[in-house]
Amino acid sequence: MPKAIFASQRIKWGVSIDNMWDYADVQQPKSAIIPYLISFRLPRGPTRYFPDIDPKSVESEIQQETSVGNDRDTEVVCKELAAELKNRSMDFVRCWFPWNFFEPKIDSEELNYKFPLDDFVSAMNAENIGIVAVLACGYSRFLPEGLKADDSKVYIDRMVKMAMSVIDHYKDSVSAWQIENEPNWWDEHYATHWRSGGMWLEPGTQELILGALHDTVRRQDSDGLILINLEADNKKTNWSFYSKYCDILGLDFYPNYMHSIPVDASELKFSSEVKKATGLPVCVAETGYPSGPSFWGYDVAKQSEYVESACKESLACDDITALCMWRFSDSYWKSFPFQENYFGLLTKEGLPKPAWGTYHDEIVAGH
């Protein structure tokens, strides 16, 4: 896939994939039910996609499959995913490349990396779907067993070695490298227990990590595009501080994260202000609307309405180079706060919600 995925004048359309363990022979992480109190491993569930099939027959098949176990062929699952994304006119996927996929456990100085995303990467490349790989996100569920995030020097040294190996392995197949995730929101990640370890609260840690990852990508993949995504609902970020570490700035908008109405994606236009402040290309790296919980007023109709609004706002803004919806599907893994579990455009069983069709319709209309 060419590195110029964002170079075209036409807006690029993508979707984020969270549950990457479903596309690799890797164990699903423990669910974070209540931060600091309850965390345990839930059943993984089947990974199947059933476009244009009666949902009732699918639900029956899923129940039967779940009752007898889930024999998964990773290559087949990845090809089915790629075919569905291609059928729905996706230009790219943005997805985690979790550290513990490549280095599950740190028990010595030996570096023996695994590459369980080969089937996924090959399937995307075969369908000409670009990959924006999120490299070295420090979420607790992505860190190798035995790695502590208390000593930034030890952490960064090991991180760079991992990043070098991963980039070398995938550099001819990845369109862009996103380094870390929402660095301007690390305090909030720490508060919700998405991250753990004292280094996330230390002054200067952002510069050390982003600088190390930036330099590593430049050395290992000289043509590689570097993206940094930033939480953008709070518009007080020093955007220029982050621009020196990347080629593209990604903005994450969740205007309905804490309230279900009004459904309005107009704040995506703020992307123009960020481009003006930094001079860099800007994309919407994440945006979305949860289909639940219903007792907070969320539902599938409002989710579909938001997706339509986000697409129209992005098309109307000449400064937005790409739109990436969060996220492709719900999963059996559960997170906190509870609305996090409903952002999927598909259900955890692989059934499309109305928003998935809306997204495709808006993409076709925008071509």
Protein backbone atom coordinates (compact mmCIF):
# COMPACT_ATOMS: atom_id res chain seq x y z
CA MET A 1 0.00 0.00 0.00
CA PRO A 2 1.56 3.31 -1.03
CA LYS A 3 2.56 5.74 1.68
CA ALA A 4 0.55 8.50 0.00
CA ILE A 5 -2.74 7.32 1.47
CA PHE A 6 -3.58 10.86 2.63
CA ALA A 7 -2.01 12.70 -0.31
CA SER A 8 -5.05 12.62 -2.60
CA GLN A 9 -7.32 15.63 -2.80
CA ARG A 10 -10.30 13.37 -2.19
CA ILE A 11 -11.17 12.67 1.43
CA LYS A 12 -10.21 9.18 2.61
CA TRP A 13 -12.67 7.05 4.56
CA GLY A 14 -11.71 4.64 7.30
CA VAL A 15 -12.75 2.79 10.40
CA SER A 16 -10.91 1.99 13.63
CA ILE A 17 -10.59 -1.58 14.87
CA ASP A 18 -10.27 -2.07 18.60
CA ASN A 19 -10.55 -5.83 19.15
CA MET A 20 -7.42 -6.78 17.23
CA TRP A 21 -7.07 -10.01 19.22
CA ASP A 22 -9.93 -11.35 17.08
CA TYR A 23 -7.66 -11.16 14.02
CA ALA A 24 -4.63 -12.82 15.58
CA ASP A 25 -3.98 -15.96 17.58
CA VAL A 26 -3.73 -13.89 20.76
CA GLN A 27 -5.63 -14.13 24.02
CA GLN A 28 -8.29 -11.49 24.66
CA PRO A 29 -7.30 -9.17 27.56
CA LYS A 30 -9.17 -9.03 30.83
CA SER A 31 -12.23 -6.79 30.78
CA ALA A 32 -12.04 -3.65 32.91
CA ILE A 33 -15.51 -3.66 34.47
CA ILE A 34 -14.90 -1.12 37.23
CA PRO A 35 -11.53 0.68 37.38
CA TYR A 36 -9.19 -0.54 40.13
CA LEU A 37 -11.86 -2.92 41.53
CA ILE A 38 -13.16 -5.50 39.07
CA SER A 39 -11.24 -6.93 36.13
CA PHE A 40 -11.63 -10.42 34.72
CA ARG A 41 -11.49 -12.33 31.47
CA LEU A 42 -14.83 -12.74 29.67
CA PRO A 43 -15.62 -15.35 26.98
CA ARG A 44 -14.13 -14.39 23.64
CA GLY A 45 -17.11 -15.29 21.47
CA PRO A 46 -17.11 -16.09 17.75
CA THR A 47 -15.75 -13.78 15.08
CA ARG A 48 -18.00 -13.91 12.02
CA TYR A 49 -19.45 -11.42 9.56
CA PHE A 50 -22.81 -12.06 7.97
CA PRO A 51 -23.61 -9.35 5.40
CA ASP A 52 -27.09 -9.50 3.87
CA ILE A 53 -28.24 -12.49 5.96
CA ASP A 54 -31.36 -12.71 8.11
CA PRO A 55 -30.32 -11.68 11.66
CA LYS A 56 -32.55 -14.34 13.27
CA SER A 57 -30.81 -17.18 11.46
CA VAL A 58 -27.44 -15.66 12.30
CA GLU A 59 -28.26 -15.40 15.99
CA SER A 60 -29.23 -19.08 16.01
CA GLU A 61 -25.98 -20.05 14.30
CA ILE A 62 -23.94 -17.94 16.72
CA GLN A 63 -25.60 -19.59 19.71
CA GLN A 64 -24.82 -23.04 18.31
CA GLU A 65 -21.23 -22.10 17.56
CA THR A 66 -20.74 -20.63 21.01
CA SER A 67 -22.10 -23.74 22.69
CA VAL A 68 -19.64 -26.06 20.95
CA GLY A 69 -16.62 -23.78 21.03
CA ASN A 70 -15.06 -21.49 18.49
CA ASP A 71 -12.66 -23.04 16.01
CA ARG A 72 -11.11 -19.98 14.44
CA ASP A 73 -9.02 -19.82 11.30
CA THR A 74 -7.26 -16.47 11.58
CA GLU A 75 -6.48 -16.23 7.90
CA VAL A 76 -10.13 -16.80 6.95
CA VAL A 77 -11.38 -14.33 9.58
CA CYS A 78 -9.02 -11.64 8.30
CA LYS A 79 -9.99 -12.23 4.67
CA GLU A 80 -13.69 -12.01 5.57
CA LEU A 81 -13.03 -8.74 7.36
CA ALA A 82 -11.06 -7.30 4.43
CA ALA A 83 -13.77 -8.31 1.98
CA GLU A 84 -16.47 -6.64 4.11
CA LEU A 85 -14.42 -3.44 4.41
CA LYS A 86 -13.77 -3.38 0.68
CA ASN A 87 -17.45 -4.00 -0.04
CA ARG A 88 -18.30 -1.01 2.16
CA SER A 89 -15.84 1.30 0.36
CA MET A 90 -13.30 1.73 3.18
CA ASP A 91 -9.97 3.24 2.12
CA PHE A 92 -8.12 2.34 5.30
CA VAL A 93 -8.27 0.86 8.75
CA ARG A 94 -6.75 2.39 11.84
CA CYS A 95 -5.84 -0.30 14.33
CA TRP A 96 -3.77 -1.13 17.37
CA PHE A 97 -0.46 -2.91 16.92
CA PRO A 98 -0.37 -3.95 20.59
CA TRP A 99 3.04 -4.27 22.19
CA ASN A 100 2.15 -7.54 23.94
CA PHE A 101 1.21 -9.15 20.62
CA PHE A 102 4.87 -8.95 19.64
CA GLU A 103 6.44 -9.34 23.09
CA PRO A 104 3.96 -11.09 25.40
CA LYS A 105 6.26 -11.31 28.42
CA ILE A 106 9.45 -9.68 29.62
CA ASP A 107 11.45 -12.23 31.56
CA SER A 108 14.99 -11.51 30.40
CA GLU A 109 17.06 -9.28 28.16
CA GLU A 110 16.44 -11.64 25.25
CA LEU A 111 14.35 -10.19 22.43
CA ASN A 112 12.23 -12.86 20.78
CA TYR A 113 9.44 -11.12 18.92
CA LYS A 114 6.31 -12.67 17.45
CA PHE A 115 4.30 -11.26 14.56
CA PRO A 116 0.72 -12.55 14.88
CA LEU A 117 -0.76 -9.80 12.68
CA ASP A 118 0.71 -11.16 9.44
CA ASP A 119 -2.62 -12.61 8.29
CA PHE A 120 -4.40 -9.34 9.05
CA VAL A 121 -1.83 -7.22 7.24
CA SER A 122 -1.78 -9.54 4.22
CA ALA A 123 -5.57 -9.52 3.98
CA MET A 124 -5.74 -5.71 4.05
CA ASN A 125 -2.97 -5.37 1.48
CA ALA A 126 -4.67 -7.87 -0.83
CA GLU A 127 -7.80 -5.69 -0.90
CA ASN A 128 -5.75 -2.48 -1.23
CA ILE A 129 -6.97 -1.21 2.15
CA GLY A 130 -4.46 1.08 3.84
CA ILE A 131 -3.30 0.44 7.40
CA VAL A 132 -2.72 3.14 9.99
CA ALA A 133 -0.91 1.20 12.70
CA VAL A 134 -1.03 2.51 16.26
CA LEU A 135 2.45 1.80 17.57
CA ALA A 136 3.41 1.49 21.25
CA CYS A 137 0.19 2.60 22.91
CA GLY A 138 0.86 2.36 26.65
CA TYR A 139 -2.59 1.18 27.73
CA SER A 140 -2.26 -1.37 30.50
CA ARG A 141 -3.99 -4.09 28.48
CA PHE A 142 -1.40 -3.74 25.70
CA LEU A 143 1.79 -3.93 27.78
CA PRO A 144 3.89 -7.10 28.06
CA GLU A 145 3.66 -9.05 31.27
CA GLY A 146 6.43 -7.92 33.57
CA LEU A 147 6.87 -4.44 32.10
CA LYS A 148 6.31 -1.68 34.65
CA ALA A 149 5.50 1.88 33.66
CA ASP A 150 7.24 3.44 36.66
CA ASP A 151 10.71 3.99 35.21
CA SER A 152 10.54 5.95 31.95
CA LYS A 153 14.14 5.12 30.98
CA VAL A 154 13.60 1.37 31.24
CA TYR A 155 10.21 1.63 29.55
CA ILE A 156 11.44 3.71 26.61
CA ASP A 157 14.53 1.57 26.04
CA ARG A 158 12.39 -1.55 25.71
CA MET A 159 9.75 0.31 23.68
CA VAL A 160 12.27 1.44 21.08
CA LYS A 161 13.60 -2.08 20.60
CA MET A 162 10.10 -3.39 20.06
CA ALA A 163 9.22 -0.54 17.69
CA MET A 164 12.33 -1.10 15.60
CA SER A 165 11.50 -4.76 15.12
CA VAL A 166 7.82 -4.15 14.32
CA ILE A 167 8.55 -1.36 11.84
CA ASP A 168 11.21 -3.44 10.08
CA HIS A 169 8.76 -6.31 9.76
CA TYR A 170 5.75 -4.34 8.48
CA LYS A 171 7.15 -1.17 6.92
CA ASP A 172 6.39 -2.23 3.34
CA SER A 173 2.77 -2.98 4.27
CA VAL A 174 1.77 -0.12 6.57
CA SER A 175 0.56 3.22 5.19
CA ALA A 176 1.17 5.34 8.31
CA TRP A 177 2.41 4.90 11.86
CA GLN A 178 0.44 6.52 14.64
CA ILE A 179 2.79 6.91 17.59
CA GLU A 180 1.15 6.35 20.99
CA ASN A 181 -2.44 7.47 21.56
CA GLU A 182 -3.93 10.79 22.70
CA PRO A 183 -0.84 12.04 24.57
CA ASN A 184 -2.72 15.19 25.58
CA TRP A 185 -5.18 12.99 27.49
CA TRP A 186 -2.83 10.71 29.46
CA ASP A 187 -3.95 12.07 32.83
CA GLU A 188 -7.53 11.08 32.05
CA HIS A 189 -6.40 7.65 30.83
CA TYR A 190 -4.61 7.18 34.13
CA ALA A 191 -7.67 8.24 36.12
CA THR A 192 -9.85 5.63 34.41
CA HIS A 193 -7.18 2.96 34.84
CA TRP A 194 -6.61 2.61 31.11
CA ARG A 195 -2.97 3.32 31.99
CA SER A 196 -1.05 2.48 35.15
CA GLY A 197 2.39 3.47 36.38
CA GLY A 198 3.78 6.70 37.72
CA MET A 199 5.67 7.75 34.59
CA TRP A 200 2.43 8.86 32.87
CA LEU A 201 2.16 11.71 35.35
CA GLU A 202 5.81 12.80 35.22
CA PRO A 203 6.68 16.10 33.47
CA GLY A 204 8.63 15.54 30.27
CA THR A 205 7.45 11.96 29.65
CA GLN A 206 5.50 12.97 26.55
CA GLU A 207 8.55 14.50 24.90
CA LEU A 208 10.69 11.46 25.72
CA ILE A 209 8.22 8.92 24.35
CA LEU A 210 7.04 10.86 21.30
CA GLY A 211 10.57 11.90 20.41
CA ALA A 212 11.87 8.32 20.71
CA LEU A 213 9.05 6.91 18.60
CA HIS A 214 9.35 9.67 16.00
CA ASP A 215 13.07 9.09 15.61
CA THR A 216 12.62 5.33 15.46
CA VAL A 217 10.08 5.54 12.62
CA ARG A 218 12.33 7.97 10.73
CA ARG A 219 15.32 5.62 11.04
CA GLN A 220 13.54 2.36 10.25
CA ASP A 221 11.05 3.59 7.64
CA SER A 222 12.31 6.78 6.05
CA ASP A 223 9.24 7.06 3.81
CA GLY A 224 6.82 6.26 6.61
CA LEU A 225 4.16 8.80 7.51
CA ILE A 226 3.87 9.63 11.22
CA LEU A 227 0.55 10.54 12.79
CA ILE A 228 -0.24 11.75 16.29
CA ASN A 229 -3.87 11.75 17.40
CA LEU A 230 -5.11 14.18 20.03
CA GLU A 231 -8.29 14.50 22.03
CA ALA A 232 -9.93 17.53 20.42
CA ASP A 233 -13.17 18.16 22.33
CA ASN A 234 -11.10 20.24 24.75
CA LYS A 235 -9.81 22.88 22.36
CA LYS A 236 -7.09 24.24 24.67
CA THR A 237 -4.31 21.87 23.55
CA ASN A 238 -1.01 23.35 22.37
CA TRP A 239 -1.30 21.81 18.91
CA SER A 240 2.06 23.09 17.71
CA PHE A 241 3.84 21.27 20.54
CA TYR A 242 2.83 17.94 18.98
CA SER A 243 3.25 18.96 15.35
CA LYS A 244 7.05 18.68 15.51
CA TYR A 245 6.75 14.93 16.12
CA CYS A 246 4.52 14.03 13.17
CA ASP A 247 3.54 14.54 9.53
CA ILE A 248 -0.22 14.43 10.10
CA LEU A 249 -2.29 15.46 13.10
CA GLY A 250 -5.29 13.32 13.93
CA LEU A 251 -8.12 14.79 15.99
CA ASP A 252 -10.54 12.77 18.13
CA PHE A 253 -14.05 14.18 18.53
CA TYR A 254 -16.73 12.75 20.82
CA PRO A 255 -19.28 15.54 21.30
CA ASN A 256 -21.90 13.10 22.61
CA TYR A 257 -19.67 11.13 24.96
CA MET A 258 -21.39 12.45 28.09
CA HIS A 259 -24.84 13.30 26.72
CA SER A 260 -27.02 11.71 24.07
CA ILE A 261 -28.53 14.89 22.63
CA PRO A 262 -28.31 17.04 20.63
CA VAL A 263 -26.79 14.83 17.94
CA ASP A 264 -24.43 17.18 16.16
CA ALA A 265 -21.02 16.68 14.57
CA SER A 266 -20.47 20.33 13.71
CA GLU A 267 -17.45 20.59 16.01
CA LEU A 268 -15.44 18.61 13.46
CA LYS A 269 -15.03 21.95 11.67
CA PHE A 270 -12.55 22.86 14.39
CA SER A 271 -10.05 20.84 12.33
CA SER A 272 -9.51 23.97 10.22
CA GLU A 273 -8.29 25.88 13.28
CA VAL A 274 -5.74 23.18 14.06
CA LYS A 275 -4.47 23.13 10.50
CA LYS A 276 -4.14 26.90 10.57
CA ALA A 277 -2.19 26.75 13.83
CA THR A 278 0.22 24.00 12.76
CA GLY A 279 0.41 24.01 8.96
CA LEU A 280 0.08 20.23 8.97
CA PRO A 281 -2.52 18.08 7.22
CA VAL A 282 -5.34 17.19 9.61
CA CYS A 283 -7.60 14.16 9.71
CA VAL A 284 -10.39 13.06 12.03
CA ALA A 285 -8.66 10.06 13.57
CA GLU A 286 -11.58 9.11 15.80
CA THR A 287 -15.19 10.09 16.10
CA GLY A 288 -18.35 8.21 16.89
CA TYR A 289 -21.58 7.88 18.80
CA PRO A 290 -22.58 4.95 21.04
CA SER A 291 -25.74 2.95 20.35
CA GLY A 292 -26.25 2.46 24.10
CA PRO A 293 -26.79 2.23 27.02
CA SER A 294 -30.43 3.00 26.28
CA PHE A 295 -31.13 4.29 29.78
CA TRP A 296 -28.77 7.21 29.02
CA GLY A 297 -30.72 8.02 25.85
CA TYR A 298 -28.38 6.42 23.30
CA ASP A 299 -29.78 4.24 20.53
CA VAL A 300 -29.00 2.96 17.03
CA ALA A 301 -31.08 5.66 15.32
CA LYS A 302 -29.11 8.47 16.94
CA GLN A 303 -25.86 6.67 16.16
CA SER A 304 -26.82 6.55 12.50
CA GLU A 305 -27.79 10.22 12.61
CA TYR A 306 -24.38 11.14 14.04
CA VAL A 307 -22.51 9.15 11.40
CA GLU A 308 -24.41 10.95 8.65
CA SER A 309 -23.67 14.32 10.28
CA ALA A 310 -19.95 13.53 10.69
CA CYS A 311 -19.63 12.54 7.04
CA LYS A 312 -21.35 15.66 5.79
CA GLU A 313 -19.28 17.93 8.05
CA SER A 314 -16.06 16.28 6.87
CA LEU A 315 -16.98 16.59 3.20
CA ALA A 316 -17.85 20.24 3.68
CA CYS A 317 -14.50 21.01 5.34
CA ASP A 318 -11.67 21.27 2.83
CA ASP A 319 -9.09 20.96 5.62
CA ILE A 320 -10.10 17.42 6.65
CA THR A 321 -8.07 14.86 4.68
CA ALA A 322 -9.66 11.74 6.18
CA LEU A 323 -12.47 10.59 8.45
CA CYS A 324 -12.09 7.49 10.60
CA MET A 325 -15.11 6.24 12.56
CA TRP A 326 -14.66 4.71 15.99
CA ARG A 327 -15.22 1.83 15.84
CA PHE A 328 -15.84 -1.11 13.50
CA SER A 329 -17.56 -3.46 15.94
CA ASP A 330 -18.46 -3.99 19.55
CA SER A 331 -16.68 -6.89 21.21
CA TYR A 332 -17.04 -9.43 23.99
CA TRP A 333 -14.28 -7.58 25.83
CA LYS A 334 -15.79 -4.88 28.06
CA SER A 335 -14.42 -1.49 29.04
CA PHE A 336 -15.36 1.40 31.29
CA PRO A 337 -17.23 3.82 31.11
CA PHE A 338 -20.11 1.70 29.87
CA GLN A 339 -20.82 3.67 26.68
CA GLU A 340 -17.38 2.53 25.49
CA ASN A 341 -18.96 -0.86 24.76
CA TYR A 342 -21.49 0.48 22.23
CA PHE A 343 -19.49 2.53 19.71
CA GLY A 344 -19.31 -0.31 17.18
CA LEU A 345 -20.95 0.04 13.78
CA LEU A 346 -21.48 -3.71 14.06
CA THR A 347 -22.63 -5.70 17.06
CA LYS A 348 -20.22 -8.00 18.84
CA GLU A 349 -21.75 -10.89 16.89
CA GLY A 350 -20.87 -9.19 13.60
CA LEU A 351 -24.35 -7.96 12.69
CA PRO A 352 -24.45 -4.50 11.07
CA LYS A 353 -26.19 -1.69 12.93
CA PRO A 354 -28.02 0.92 10.82
CA ALA A 355 -24.99 3.24 11.12
CA TRP A 356 -22.81 0.83 9.12
CA GLY A 357 -25.16 1.17 6.16
CA THR A 358 -25.38 4.92 6.67
CA TYR A 359 -21.60 5.23 6.61
CA HIS A 360 -21.39 3.36 3.32
CA ASP A 361 -24.20 5.41 1.78
CA GLU A 362 -22.47 8.67 2.73
CA ILE A 363 -19.15 7.48 1.33
CA VAL A 364 -20.75 6.55 -1.98
CA ALA A 365 -22.55 9.90 -2.09
CA GLY A 366 -19.31 11.73 -1.39
CA HIS A 367 -17.29 10.08 -4.19
